[in-house]
Amino acid sequence: QVQLVESGGGLVQPGGSLRLSCLASGSIFSIYALGWYRQPPGKQRELVAAITTAGSINYADSVKGRFAISRDNAKNTGYLQMNSLKPEDTAVYYCTLANTWGQGTQVTVSS
């Protein structure tokens, strides 16, 4: 069974950048699609971005042009590069793979 650990969250000013990482245990990382979701305070969890095993990518409209998802199968790691951050990006960010979720990492965008 895979385990996922997110890292890279923190406090950043509006307009700043962060890169989240999602490290997967085991050897199945390369055969599953990877997704990043977020849950803003008081709201439901929502899809941010996803990347298939073939490299096809989709983004939520709210992050297009600002966020970039990628994966490094050799390192069993997925990434979410977040640029031009806005206060409304504040949320707990989760990665998911093979019906498994990480514990989440907090991203706070505030001046």
C-alpha atoms as a PDB file:
ATOM      1  CA  GLN A   1       0.000   0.000   0.000  1.00  0.00           C
ATOM      2  CA  VAL A   2       1.347   3.392  -0.960  1.00  0.00           C
ATOM      3  CA  GLN A   3       1.875   6.207   1.531  1.00  0.00           C
ATOM      4  CA  LEU A   4       2.042   9.845   0.484  1.00  0.00           C
ATOM      5  CA  VAL A   5       3.806  12.676   2.291  1.00  0.00           C
ATOM      6  CA  GLU A   6       3.347  16.284   1.224  1.00  0.00           C
ATOM      7  CA  SER A   7       5.793  19.045   2.031  1.00  0.00           C
ATOM      8  CA  GLY A   8       6.594  22.592   1.008  1.00  0.00           C
ATOM      9  CA  GLY A   9       3.654  24.481   2.418  1.00  0.00           C
ATOM     10  CA  GLY A  10       3.956  27.646   4.458  1.00  0.00           C
ATOM     11  CA  LEU A  11       3.147  31.312   4.742  1.00  0.00           C
ATOM     12  CA  VAL A  12       3.770  33.463   1.694  1.00  0.00           C
ATOM     13  CA  GLN A  13       2.847  36.992   0.664  1.00  0.00           C
ATOM     14  CA  PRO A  14       0.461  37.633  -2.226  1.00  0.00           C
ATOM     15  CA  GLY A  15       2.330  37.338  -5.494  1.00  0.00           C
ATOM     16  CA  GLY A  16       4.818  34.899  -4.026  1.00  0.00           C
ATOM     17  CA  SER A  17       5.627  31.324  -4.954  1.00  0.00           C
ATOM     18  CA  LEU A  18       5.793  27.937  -3.300  1.00  0.00           C
ATOM     19  CA  ARG A  19       6.581  24.452  -4.548  1.00  0.00           C
ATOM     20  CA  LEU A  20       4.793  21.543  -2.968  1.00  0.00           C
ATOM     21  CA  SER A  21       6.201  18.032  -3.098  1.00  0.00           C
ATOM     22  CA  CYS A  22       4.459  14.692  -2.727  1.00  0.00           C
ATOM     23  CA  LEU A  23       6.728  11.754  -1.937  1.00  0.00           C
ATOM     24  CA  ALA A  24       5.279   8.284  -2.436  1.00  0.00           C
ATOM     25  CA  SER A  25       6.485   5.103  -0.812  1.00  0.00           C
ATOM     26  CA  GLY A  26       6.642   1.794  -2.627  1.00  0.00           C
ATOM     27  CA  SER A  27       7.017   1.128  -6.315  1.00  0.00           C
ATOM     28  CA  ILE A  28       3.655   1.948  -7.847  1.00  0.00           C
ATOM     29  CA  PHE A  29       4.076   5.716  -8.283  1.00  0.00           C
ATOM     30  CA  SER A  30       4.721   5.552 -12.026  1.00  0.00           C
ATOM     31  CA  ILE A  31       1.598   3.562 -12.895  1.00  0.00           C
ATOM     32  CA  TYR A  32      -1.029   5.876 -11.419  1.00  0.00           C
ATOM     33  CA  ALA A  33      -2.283   9.346 -12.132  1.00  0.00           C
ATOM     34  CA  LEU A  34      -1.344  11.962  -9.563  1.00  0.00           C
ATOM     35  CA  GLY A  35      -3.687  14.655  -8.329  1.00  0.00           C
ATOM     36  CA  TRP A  36      -3.427  17.737  -6.163  1.00  0.00           C
ATOM     37  CA  TYR A  37      -6.498  18.921  -4.282  1.00  0.00           C
ATOM     38  CA  ARG A  38      -7.052  21.700  -1.800  1.00  0.00           C
ATOM     39  CA  GLN A  39      -9.546  22.459   0.939  1.00  0.00           C
ATOM     40  CA  PRO A  40      -9.980  26.129   1.803  1.00  0.00           C
ATOM     41  CA  PRO A  41     -11.228  27.001   5.293  1.00  0.00           C
ATOM     42  CA  GLY A  42     -14.908  26.162   5.623  1.00  0.00           C
ATOM     43  CA  LYS A  43     -15.173  24.824   2.089  1.00  0.00           C
ATOM     44  CA  GLN A  44     -15.157  21.488   0.317  1.00  0.00           C
ATOM     45  CA  ARG A  45     -12.087  19.839  -1.109  1.00  0.00           C
ATOM     46  CA  GLU A  46     -11.534  20.727  -4.769  1.00  0.00           C
ATOM     47  CA  LEU A  47      -9.312  19.556  -7.579  1.00  0.00           C
ATOM     48  CA  VAL A  48      -6.372  21.819  -8.338  1.00  0.00           C
ATOM     49  CA  ALA A  49      -4.442  19.835 -10.937  1.00  0.00           C
ATOM     50  CA  ALA A  50      -3.895  16.298 -12.146  1.00  0.00           C
ATOM     51  CA  ILE A  51      -1.332  14.534 -14.312  1.00  0.00           C
ATOM     52  CA  THR A  52      -1.739  11.118 -15.888  1.00  0.00           C
ATOM     53  CA  THR A  53       0.942   8.490 -16.370  1.00  0.00           C
ATOM     54  CA  ALA A  54       1.248   9.650 -19.974  1.00  0.00           C
ATOM     55  CA  GLY A  55       1.775  13.233 -18.905  1.00  0.00           C
ATOM     56  CA  SER A  56      -1.636  14.633 -19.765  1.00  0.00           C
ATOM     57  CA  ILE A  57      -2.484  17.509 -17.460  1.00  0.00           C
ATOM     58  CA  ASN A  58      -5.573  19.406 -16.437  1.00  0.00           C
ATOM     59  CA  TYR A  59      -5.984  22.362 -14.130  1.00  0.00           C
ATOM     60  CA  ALA A  60      -8.792  24.060 -12.297  1.00  0.00           C
ATOM     61  CA  ASP A  61      -9.683  27.284 -14.070  1.00  0.00           C
ATOM     62  CA  SER A  62      -8.756  29.265 -10.978  1.00  0.00           C
ATOM     63  CA  VAL A  63      -5.090  28.213 -11.173  1.00  0.00           C
ATOM     64  CA  LYS A  64      -4.462  28.020 -14.921  1.00  0.00           C
ATOM     65  CA  GLY A  65      -1.415  30.001 -15.909  1.00  0.00           C
ATOM     66  CA  ARG A  66      -0.194  30.233 -12.303  1.00  0.00           C
ATOM     67  CA  PHE A  67       0.289  26.643 -11.134  1.00  0.00           C
ATOM     68  CA  ALA A  68       2.217  23.806 -12.755  1.00  0.00           C
ATOM     69  CA  ILE A  69       1.985  20.130 -11.890  1.00  0.00           C
ATOM     70  CA  SER A  70       4.789  17.716 -12.675  1.00  0.00           C
ATOM     71  CA  ARG A  71       6.081  14.327 -11.662  1.00  0.00           C
ATOM     72  CA  ASP A  72       9.450  12.601 -11.432  1.00  0.00           C
ATOM     73  CA  ASN A  73       8.823   8.872 -11.565  1.00  0.00           C
ATOM     74  CA  ALA A  74      12.469   8.089 -10.835  1.00  0.00           C
ATOM     75  CA  LYS A  75      12.125   9.910  -7.514  1.00  0.00           C
ATOM     76  CA  ASN A  76       8.570   8.752  -6.737  1.00  0.00           C
ATOM     77  CA  THR A  77       7.713  12.412  -6.324  1.00  0.00           C
ATOM     78  CA  GLY A  78       5.077  14.758  -7.620  1.00  0.00           C
ATOM     79  CA  TYR A  79       5.250  18.517  -7.549  1.00  0.00           C
ATOM     80  CA  LEU A  80       2.961  21.509  -7.633  1.00  0.00           C
ATOM     81  CA  GLN A  81       4.693  24.773  -8.504  1.00  0.00           C
ATOM     82  CA  MET A  82       2.506  27.657  -7.401  1.00  0.00           C
ATOM     83  CA  ASN A  83       3.266  31.157  -8.649  1.00  0.00           C
ATOM     84  CA  SER A  84       1.472  34.489  -8.340  1.00  0.00           C
ATOM     85  CA  LEU A  85      -0.253  33.258  -5.225  1.00  0.00           C
ATOM     86  CA  LYS A  86      -3.424  34.950  -4.068  1.00  0.00           C
ATOM     87  CA  PRO A  87      -5.133  35.030  -0.672  1.00  0.00           C
ATOM     88  CA  GLU A  88      -7.865  32.815  -2.099  1.00  0.00           C
ATOM     89  CA  ASP A  89      -5.265  30.096  -2.663  1.00  0.00           C
ATOM     90  CA  THR A  90      -5.080  29.665   1.104  1.00  0.00           C
ATOM     91  CA  ALA A  91      -5.972  26.058   1.879  1.00  0.00           C
ATOM     92  CA  VAL A  92      -4.704  22.694   2.987  1.00  0.00           C
ATOM     93  CA  TYR A  93      -3.230  21.029  -0.079  1.00  0.00           C
ATOM     94  CA  TYR A  94      -3.385  17.268  -0.538  1.00  0.00           C
ATOM     95  CA  CYS A  95      -1.885  14.919  -3.071  1.00  0.00           C
ATOM     96  CA  THR A  96      -3.624  11.728  -4.100  1.00  0.00           C
ATOM     97  CA  LEU A  97      -2.512   8.601  -5.920  1.00  0.00           C
ATOM     98  CA  ALA A  98      -4.101   5.165  -6.226  1.00  0.00           C
ATOM     99  CA  ASN A  99      -7.066   6.153  -4.020  1.00  0.00           C
ATOM    100  CA  THR A 100      -4.662   7.156  -1.263  1.00  0.00           C
ATOM    101  CA  TRP A 101      -4.346  10.632   0.267  1.00  0.00           C
ATOM    102  CA  GLY A 102      -1.512  12.363   1.996  1.00  0.00           C
ATOM    103  CA  GLN A 103      -1.906  14.177   5.299  1.00  0.00           C
ATOM    104  CA  GLY A 104      -1.967  17.591   3.663  1.00  0.00           C
ATOM    105  CA  THR A 105       0.203  20.678   3.879  1.00  0.00           C
ATOM    106  CA  GLN A 106      -1.022  24.131   4.826  1.00  0.00           C
ATOM    107  CA  VAL A 107      -0.578  27.017   2.405  1.00  0.00           C
ATOM    108  CA  THR A 108      -1.394  30.478   3.692  1.00  0.00           C
ATOM    109  CA  VAL A 109      -1.226  33.506   1.425  1.00  0.00           C
ATOM    110  CA  SER A 110      -1.347  36.700   3.424  1.00  0.00           C
ATOM    111  CA  SER A 111       0.412  40.002   3.815  1.00  0.00           C
END
